[in-house]
């Protein structure tokens, strides 16, 4: 598992699942994207970010695991313009009632980009937990 993921131009990647800490009352995520391209990018070159959530297994099949929202039906939560290098998203709120989530990131540019993300959760007693999103 790695803390960053290189995504080829016109490619995509899905992160490993990340869970919310027990007792979390708020949880936010930031996503960073960077390119090695020194030339100006087209304004349409973006890293589009979707949040794929799960609350478990909708059909309660004992032989299957948690099922995640598919990218087509997920919530797009950010669109990072790769002309600004690197770019960090605004904090993205996430529902802590979800069991876990994954990130799906699509690179609409023709140059590779490297993405990373971090989640920050807070419990009612004020405990803050920071979790790096990983990629395999």
N, C-alpha and C. Protein backbone atom coordinates (compact mmCIF):
# COMPACT_ATOMS: atom_id res chain seq x y z
N UNK A 1 0.84 -1.18 0.00
CA UNK A 1 0.00 0.00 0.00
C UNK A 1 0.88 1.24 0.00
N UNK A 2 0.45 2.23 -0.75
CA UNK A 2 1.20 3.48 -0.85
C UNK A 2 0.30 4.65 -0.51
N UNK A 3 0.91 5.76 -0.11
CA UNK A 3 0.15 6.98 0.22
C UNK A 3 -0.14 7.84 -1.00
N UNK A 4 0.49 7.52 -2.14
CA UNK A 4 0.24 8.26 -3.37
C UNK A 4 -0.07 7.28 -4.50
N UNK A 5 -0.70 7.80 -5.54
CA UNK A 5 -1.02 6.97 -6.69
C UNK A 5 -0.78 7.79 -7.95
N UNK A 6 0.00 7.25 -8.87
CA UNK A 6 0.20 7.88 -10.17
C UNK A 6 -0.90 7.40 -11.11
N UNK A 7 -1.56 8.36 -11.74
CA UNK A 7 -2.65 8.03 -12.66
C UNK A 7 -2.26 8.54 -14.04
N UNK A 8 -2.22 7.64 -15.01
CA UNK A 8 -1.85 8.00 -16.38
C UNK A 8 -2.86 8.98 -16.96
N UNK A 9 -2.43 9.72 -17.98
CA UNK A 9 -3.34 10.61 -18.68
C UNK A 9 -4.53 9.82 -19.18
N UNK A 10 -5.72 10.37 -19.03
CA UNK A 10 -6.98 9.73 -19.42
C UNK A 10 -7.22 8.43 -18.65
N UNK A 11 -6.57 8.27 -17.49
CA UNK A 11 -6.73 7.06 -16.69
C UNK A 11 -7.53 7.32 -15.43
N UNK A 12 -7.67 6.28 -14.61
CA UNK A 12 -8.39 6.42 -13.35
C UNK A 12 -7.83 5.44 -12.34
N UNK A 13 -8.18 5.64 -11.09
CA UNK A 13 -7.74 4.74 -10.01
C UNK A 13 -8.75 4.80 -8.87
N UNK A 14 -8.83 3.69 -8.14
CA UNK A 14 -9.69 3.60 -6.97
C UNK A 14 -8.81 3.30 -5.76
N UNK A 15 -9.01 4.05 -4.68
CA UNK A 15 -8.22 3.86 -3.46
C UNK A 15 -8.64 2.59 -2.75
N UNK A 16 -7.84 2.23 -1.76
CA UNK A 16 -8.24 1.18 -0.83
C UNK A 16 -9.39 1.74 0.02
N UNK A 17 -10.15 0.86 0.64
CA UNK A 17 -11.24 1.31 1.51
C UNK A 17 -10.65 1.94 2.77
N UNK A 18 -11.32 2.97 3.26
CA UNK A 18 -10.93 3.58 4.53
C UNK A 18 -12.18 3.71 5.39
N UNK A 19 -12.02 3.38 6.68
CA UNK A 19 -13.16 3.38 7.61
C UNK A 19 -13.10 4.61 8.50
N UNK A 20 -14.24 4.96 9.02
CA UNK A 20 -14.33 6.09 9.94
C UNK A 20 -14.08 5.59 11.35
N UNK A 21 -13.34 6.35 12.17
CA UNK A 21 -13.07 5.90 13.53
C UNK A 21 -14.37 5.73 14.33
N UNK A 22 -14.39 4.78 15.25
CA UNK A 22 -15.55 4.61 16.12
C UNK A 22 -15.83 5.91 16.87
N UNK A 23 -17.08 6.29 16.91
CA UNK A 23 -17.47 7.48 17.65
C UNK A 23 -17.26 8.78 16.90
N UNK A 24 -16.85 8.72 15.63
CA UNK A 24 -16.63 9.95 14.86
C UNK A 24 -17.95 10.69 14.69
N UNK A 25 -17.90 12.00 14.91
CA UNK A 25 -19.09 12.83 14.69
C UNK A 25 -18.93 13.71 13.46
N UNK A 26 -17.68 13.95 13.06
CA UNK A 26 -17.40 14.67 11.81
C UNK A 26 -16.20 14.02 11.14
N UNK A 27 -16.18 14.13 9.83
CA UNK A 27 -15.05 13.60 9.07
C UNK A 27 -14.93 14.38 7.78
N UNK A 28 -13.72 14.82 7.50
CA UNK A 28 -13.46 15.56 6.27
C UNK A 28 -12.24 14.97 5.57
N UNK A 29 -12.17 15.25 4.30
CA UNK A 29 -11.13 14.70 3.45
C UNK A 29 -10.52 15.83 2.63
N UNK A 30 -9.22 15.78 2.41
CA UNK A 30 -8.61 16.68 1.42
C UNK A 30 -7.87 15.80 0.41
N UNK A 31 -7.87 16.25 -0.83
CA UNK A 31 -7.24 15.52 -1.92
C UNK A 31 -6.23 16.43 -2.58
N UNK A 32 -5.06 15.88 -2.89
CA UNK A 32 -4.00 16.65 -3.55
C UNK A 32 -3.68 15.99 -4.88
N UNK A 33 -3.43 16.80 -5.90
CA UNK A 33 -3.02 16.32 -7.21
C UNK A 33 -1.85 17.14 -7.70
N UNK A 34 -0.86 16.47 -8.27
CA UNK A 34 0.32 17.16 -8.81
C UNK A 34 0.74 16.48 -10.11
N UNK A 35 1.35 17.27 -10.99
CA UNK A 35 1.89 16.71 -12.23
C UNK A 35 3.36 17.06 -12.33
N UNK A 36 4.08 16.33 -13.17
CA UNK A 36 5.48 16.63 -13.45
C UNK A 36 5.61 17.48 -14.70
N UNK A 37 4.47 17.79 -15.30
CA UNK A 37 4.44 18.54 -16.56
C UNK A 37 4.78 20.00 -16.29
N UNK A 38 5.84 20.50 -16.90
CA UNK A 38 6.26 21.89 -16.72
C UNK A 38 5.48 22.86 -17.61
N UNK A 39 4.87 22.35 -18.69
CA UNK A 39 4.14 23.24 -19.59
C UNK A 39 2.75 23.50 -19.04
N UNK A 40 2.16 24.65 -19.41
CA UNK A 40 0.81 24.94 -18.92
C UNK A 40 -0.16 23.87 -19.40
N UNK A 41 -1.06 23.48 -18.53
CA UNK A 41 -2.09 22.51 -18.89
C UNK A 41 -3.31 23.23 -19.41
N UNK A 42 -4.11 22.52 -20.14
CA UNK A 42 -5.39 23.02 -20.60
C UNK A 42 -6.31 23.15 -19.38
N UNK A 43 -7.15 24.17 -19.34
CA UNK A 43 -8.08 24.34 -18.22
C UNK A 43 -8.99 23.14 -18.03
N UNK A 44 -9.13 22.32 -19.07
CA UNK A 44 -9.99 21.14 -18.97
C UNK A 44 -9.26 19.94 -18.39
N UNK A 45 -7.94 20.05 -18.19
CA UNK A 45 -7.17 18.96 -17.59
C UNK A 45 -7.44 18.98 -16.10
N UNK A 46 -8.17 17.99 -15.65
CA UNK A 46 -8.60 17.96 -14.25
C UNK A 46 -8.50 16.56 -13.67
N UNK A 47 -8.35 16.54 -12.36
CA UNK A 47 -8.48 15.30 -11.60
C UNK A 47 -9.86 15.36 -10.97
N UNK A 48 -10.78 14.54 -11.47
CA UNK A 48 -12.15 14.51 -10.96
C UNK A 48 -12.21 13.46 -9.84
N UNK A 49 -12.82 13.82 -8.74
CA UNK A 49 -12.83 12.98 -7.54
C UNK A 49 -14.26 12.60 -7.17
N UNK A 50 -14.50 11.29 -7.03
CA UNK A 50 -15.79 10.77 -6.58
C UNK A 50 -15.60 10.04 -5.26
N UNK A 51 -16.59 10.10 -4.41
CA UNK A 51 -16.59 9.40 -3.14
C UNK A 51 -17.52 8.19 -3.27
N UNK A 52 -16.95 7.00 -3.11
CA UNK A 52 -17.70 5.75 -3.21
C UNK A 52 -17.94 5.24 -1.79
N UNK A 53 -19.17 5.25 -1.34
CA UNK A 53 -19.46 4.86 0.03
C UNK A 53 -20.14 3.51 0.12
N UNK A 54 -20.12 2.95 1.32
CA UNK A 54 -20.87 1.72 1.59
C UNK A 54 -21.48 1.79 2.98
N UNK A 55 -22.64 1.17 3.10
CA UNK A 55 -23.25 0.96 4.40
C UNK A 55 -23.35 -0.54 4.67
N UNK A 56 -22.73 -1.34 3.81
CA UNK A 56 -22.72 -2.79 3.98
C UNK A 56 -23.07 -3.51 2.69
N UNK A 57 -23.83 -4.58 2.82
CA UNK A 57 -24.22 -5.42 1.70
C UNK A 57 -25.73 -5.30 1.51
N UNK A 58 -26.20 -4.60 0.45
CA UNK A 58 -27.62 -4.31 0.31
C UNK A 58 -28.53 -5.54 0.22
N UNK A 59 -28.02 -6.65 -0.31
CA UNK A 59 -28.89 -7.82 -0.42
C UNK A 59 -28.61 -8.86 0.67
N UNK A 60 -27.77 -8.49 1.64
CA UNK A 60 -27.47 -9.35 2.79
C UNK A 60 -27.03 -10.75 2.39
N UNK A 61 -26.30 -10.86 1.30
CA UNK A 61 -25.77 -12.14 0.85
C UNK A 61 -24.63 -12.56 1.78
N UNK A 62 -24.77 -13.69 2.46
CA UNK A 62 -23.72 -14.08 3.41
C UNK A 62 -22.39 -14.42 2.73
N UNK A 63 -22.41 -14.59 1.43
CA UNK A 63 -21.18 -14.94 0.70
C UNK A 63 -20.50 -13.75 0.05
N UNK A 64 -21.02 -12.55 0.27
CA UNK A 64 -20.39 -11.38 -0.35
C UNK A 64 -19.99 -10.37 0.71
N UNK A 65 -19.11 -9.49 0.32
CA UNK A 65 -18.61 -8.45 1.22
C UNK A 65 -19.39 -7.16 1.02
N UNK A 66 -18.97 -6.11 1.70
CA UNK A 66 -19.59 -4.80 1.52
C UNK A 66 -19.54 -4.40 0.06
N UNK A 67 -20.59 -3.76 -0.39
CA UNK A 67 -20.64 -3.30 -1.77
C UNK A 67 -20.61 -1.78 -1.79
N UNK A 68 -19.78 -1.23 -2.68
CA UNK A 68 -19.58 0.22 -2.77
C UNK A 68 -20.35 0.81 -3.94
N UNK A 69 -20.73 2.06 -3.79
CA UNK A 69 -21.35 2.80 -4.88
C UNK A 69 -20.44 2.71 -6.10
N UNK A 70 -21.02 2.53 -7.27
CA UNK A 70 -20.23 2.53 -8.50
C UNK A 70 -19.96 3.98 -8.91
N UNK A 71 -18.84 4.24 -9.60
CA UNK A 71 -18.52 5.63 -9.97
C UNK A 71 -19.65 6.34 -10.72
N UNK A 72 -20.38 5.63 -11.56
CA UNK A 72 -21.46 6.25 -12.32
C UNK A 72 -22.56 6.81 -11.40
N UNK A 73 -22.72 6.21 -10.22
CA UNK A 73 -23.79 6.61 -9.31
C UNK A 73 -23.26 7.29 -8.04
N UNK A 74 -21.99 7.57 -8.00
CA UNK A 74 -21.37 8.16 -6.81
C UNK A 74 -21.49 9.69 -6.83
N UNK A 75 -21.11 10.28 -5.72
CA UNK A 75 -21.10 11.74 -5.61
C UNK A 75 -19.74 12.27 -6.04
N UNK A 76 -19.74 13.12 -7.09
CA UNK A 76 -18.48 13.79 -7.45
C UNK A 76 -18.29 14.89 -6.42
N UNK A 77 -17.13 14.87 -5.75
CA UNK A 77 -16.91 15.80 -4.63
C UNK A 77 -15.86 16.86 -4.92
N UNK A 78 -15.09 16.71 -5.99
CA UNK A 78 -14.09 17.72 -6.33
C UNK A 78 -13.69 17.57 -7.79
N UNK A 79 -13.22 18.66 -8.35
CA UNK A 79 -12.65 18.69 -9.69
C UNK A 79 -11.44 19.61 -9.63
N UNK A 80 -10.25 19.02 -9.60
CA UNK A 80 -9.03 19.79 -9.38
C UNK A 80 -8.39 20.18 -10.71
N UNK A 81 -8.25 21.48 -10.94
CA UNK A 81 -7.65 22.00 -12.17
C UNK A 81 -6.14 21.77 -12.11
N UNK A 82 -5.61 20.95 -13.02
CA UNK A 82 -4.19 20.61 -12.97
C UNK A 82 -3.30 21.71 -13.54
N UNK A 83 -3.89 22.85 -13.94
CA UNK A 83 -3.06 23.98 -14.34
C UNK A 83 -2.42 24.62 -13.12
N UNK A 84 -3.01 24.40 -11.96
CA UNK A 84 -2.44 24.84 -10.70
C UNK A 84 -1.72 23.63 -10.12
N UNK A 85 -0.41 23.68 -10.03
CA UNK A 85 0.34 22.49 -9.67
C UNK A 85 1.26 22.75 -8.49
N UNK A 86 1.14 22.10 -7.36
CA UNK A 86 0.08 21.14 -7.04
C UNK A 86 -1.19 21.86 -6.60
N UNK A 87 -2.26 21.11 -6.55
CA UNK A 87 -3.53 21.66 -6.12
C UNK A 87 -4.08 20.80 -4.98
N UNK A 88 -4.63 21.45 -3.97
CA UNK A 88 -5.23 20.75 -2.83
C UNK A 88 -6.69 21.18 -2.76
N UNK A 89 -7.56 20.21 -2.62
CA UNK A 89 -9.00 20.49 -2.58
C UNK A 89 -9.38 21.21 -1.29
N UNK A 90 -10.52 21.83 -1.32
CA UNK A 90 -11.14 22.32 -0.08
C UNK A 90 -11.54 21.09 0.73
N UNK A 91 -11.68 21.21 2.05
CA UNK A 91 -12.13 20.06 2.83
C UNK A 91 -13.48 19.55 2.33
N UNK A 92 -13.59 18.25 2.21
CA UNK A 92 -14.79 17.58 1.70
C UNK A 92 -15.44 16.84 2.88
N UNK A 93 -16.65 17.22 3.25
CA UNK A 93 -17.36 16.55 4.34
C UNK A 93 -17.83 15.17 3.88
N UNK A 94 -17.76 14.21 4.81
CA UNK A 94 -18.20 12.85 4.51
C UNK A 94 -19.17 12.38 5.59
N UNK A 95 -20.18 11.57 5.21
CA UNK A 95 -21.12 11.06 6.20
C UNK A 95 -20.46 9.99 7.07
N UNK A 96 -20.37 10.24 8.37
CA UNK A 96 -19.73 9.28 9.27
C UNK A 96 -20.62 8.08 9.54
N UNK A 97 -21.86 8.11 9.08
CA UNK A 97 -22.74 6.95 9.24
C UNK A 97 -22.37 5.84 8.26
N UNK A 98 -21.60 6.16 7.22
CA UNK A 98 -21.15 5.13 6.30
C UNK A 98 -20.24 4.16 7.03
N UNK A 99 -20.22 2.93 6.56
CA UNK A 99 -19.33 1.93 7.13
C UNK A 99 -17.89 2.21 6.71
N UNK A 100 -17.70 2.52 5.44
CA UNK A 100 -16.39 2.89 4.91
C UNK A 100 -16.58 3.54 3.55
N UNK A 101 -15.48 3.98 2.96
CA UNK A 101 -15.54 4.66 1.67
C UNK A 101 -14.26 4.39 0.88
N UNK A 102 -14.31 4.71 -0.40
CA UNK A 102 -13.15 4.67 -1.29
C UNK A 102 -13.20 5.94 -2.13
N UNK A 103 -12.05 6.33 -2.67
CA UNK A 103 -12.00 7.43 -3.63
C UNK A 103 -11.82 6.85 -5.02
N UNK A 104 -12.52 7.43 -5.98
CA UNK A 104 -12.33 7.10 -7.39
C UNK A 104 -11.89 8.39 -8.04
N UNK A 105 -10.72 8.38 -8.67
CA UNK A 105 -10.19 9.60 -9.29
C UNK A 105 -9.93 9.34 -10.75
N UNK A 106 -10.41 10.26 -11.57
CA UNK A 106 -10.26 10.17 -13.02
C UNK A 106 -9.41 11.35 -13.48
N UNK A 107 -8.37 11.06 -14.25
CA UNK A 107 -7.50 12.08 -14.81
C UNK A 107 -8.00 12.40 -16.21
N UNK A 108 -8.54 13.59 -16.42
CA UNK A 108 -9.06 13.95 -17.75
C UNK A 108 -7.98 14.57 -18.64
N UNK A 109 -6.79 14.77 -18.09
CA UNK A 109 -5.70 15.34 -18.89
C UNK A 109 -4.95 14.28 -19.66
N UNK A 110 -3.95 14.71 -20.44
CA UNK A 110 -3.16 13.73 -21.18
C UNK A 110 -1.79 13.49 -20.54
N UNK A 111 -1.51 14.18 -19.43
CA UNK A 111 -0.27 13.95 -18.68
C UNK A 111 -0.59 13.20 -17.39
N UNK A 112 0.34 12.37 -16.91
CA UNK A 112 0.08 11.69 -15.64
C UNK A 112 -0.02 12.67 -14.48
N UNK A 113 -0.74 12.27 -13.46
CA UNK A 113 -0.79 13.05 -12.23
C UNK A 113 -0.58 12.11 -11.05
N UNK A 114 -0.14 12.67 -9.95
CA UNK A 114 0.05 11.90 -8.72
C UNK A 114 -0.93 12.45 -7.70
N UNK A 115 -1.74 11.56 -7.13
CA UNK A 115 -2.75 11.99 -6.18
C UNK A 115 -2.48 11.40 -4.79
N UNK A 116 -2.97 12.10 -3.78
CA UNK A 116 -2.91 11.63 -2.41
C UNK A 116 -4.11 12.23 -1.69
N UNK A 117 -4.44 11.65 -0.54
CA UNK A 117 -5.59 12.15 0.21
C UNK A 117 -5.43 11.82 1.69
N UNK A 118 -6.03 12.66 2.53
CA UNK A 118 -5.99 12.44 3.97
C UNK A 118 -7.36 12.76 4.56
N UNK A 119 -7.79 11.91 5.51
CA UNK A 119 -9.05 12.09 6.19
C UNK A 119 -8.76 12.55 7.63
N UNK A 120 -9.60 13.46 8.12
CA UNK A 120 -9.48 13.94 9.50
C UNK A 120 -10.84 13.81 10.15
N UNK A 121 -10.90 13.05 11.23
CA UNK A 121 -12.16 12.80 11.93
C UNK A 121 -12.05 13.29 13.36
N UNK A 122 -13.22 13.65 13.91
CA UNK A 122 -13.26 14.14 15.29
C UNK A 122 -14.39 13.43 16.03
N UNK A 123 -14.12 13.03 17.27
CA UNK A 123 -15.14 12.40 18.12
C UNK A 123 -15.72 13.44 19.07
N UNK A 124 -16.81 13.08 19.76
CA UNK A 124 -17.49 14.01 20.66
C UNK A 124 -16.59 14.49 21.80
N UNK A 125 -15.63 13.66 22.21
CA UNK A 125 -14.74 14.08 23.30
C UNK A 125 -13.58 14.94 22.81
N UNK A 126 -13.57 15.26 21.52
CA UNK A 126 -12.54 16.15 20.97
C UNK A 126 -11.33 15.44 20.38
N UNK A 127 -11.30 14.11 20.44
CA UNK A 127 -10.18 13.36 19.87
C UNK A 127 -10.19 13.51 18.35
N UNK A 128 -9.03 13.85 17.81
CA UNK A 128 -8.89 14.00 16.35
C UNK A 128 -8.01 12.88 15.84
N UNK A 129 -8.46 12.23 14.77
CA UNK A 129 -7.71 11.15 14.13
C UNK A 129 -7.46 11.53 12.67
N UNK A 130 -6.20 11.44 12.26
CA UNK A 130 -5.85 11.69 10.86
C UNK A 130 -5.47 10.37 10.22
N UNK A 131 -6.03 10.08 9.07
CA UNK A 131 -5.82 8.82 8.37
C UNK A 131 -5.42 9.10 6.93
N UNK A 132 -4.30 8.56 6.52
CA UNK A 132 -3.86 8.69 5.13
C UNK A 132 -4.62 7.68 4.28
N UNK A 133 -5.16 8.10 3.15
CA UNK A 133 -5.81 7.18 2.22
C UNK A 133 -4.70 6.45 1.48
N UNK A 134 -4.85 5.12 1.35
CA UNK A 134 -3.82 4.31 0.69
C UNK A 134 -4.32 3.76 -0.64
N UNK A 135 -3.37 3.33 -1.44
CA UNK A 135 -3.63 2.82 -2.79
C UNK A 135 -2.80 1.57 -3.00
N UNK A 136 -3.39 0.56 -3.62
CA UNK A 136 -2.60 -0.63 -3.95
C UNK A 136 -2.36 -0.69 -5.44
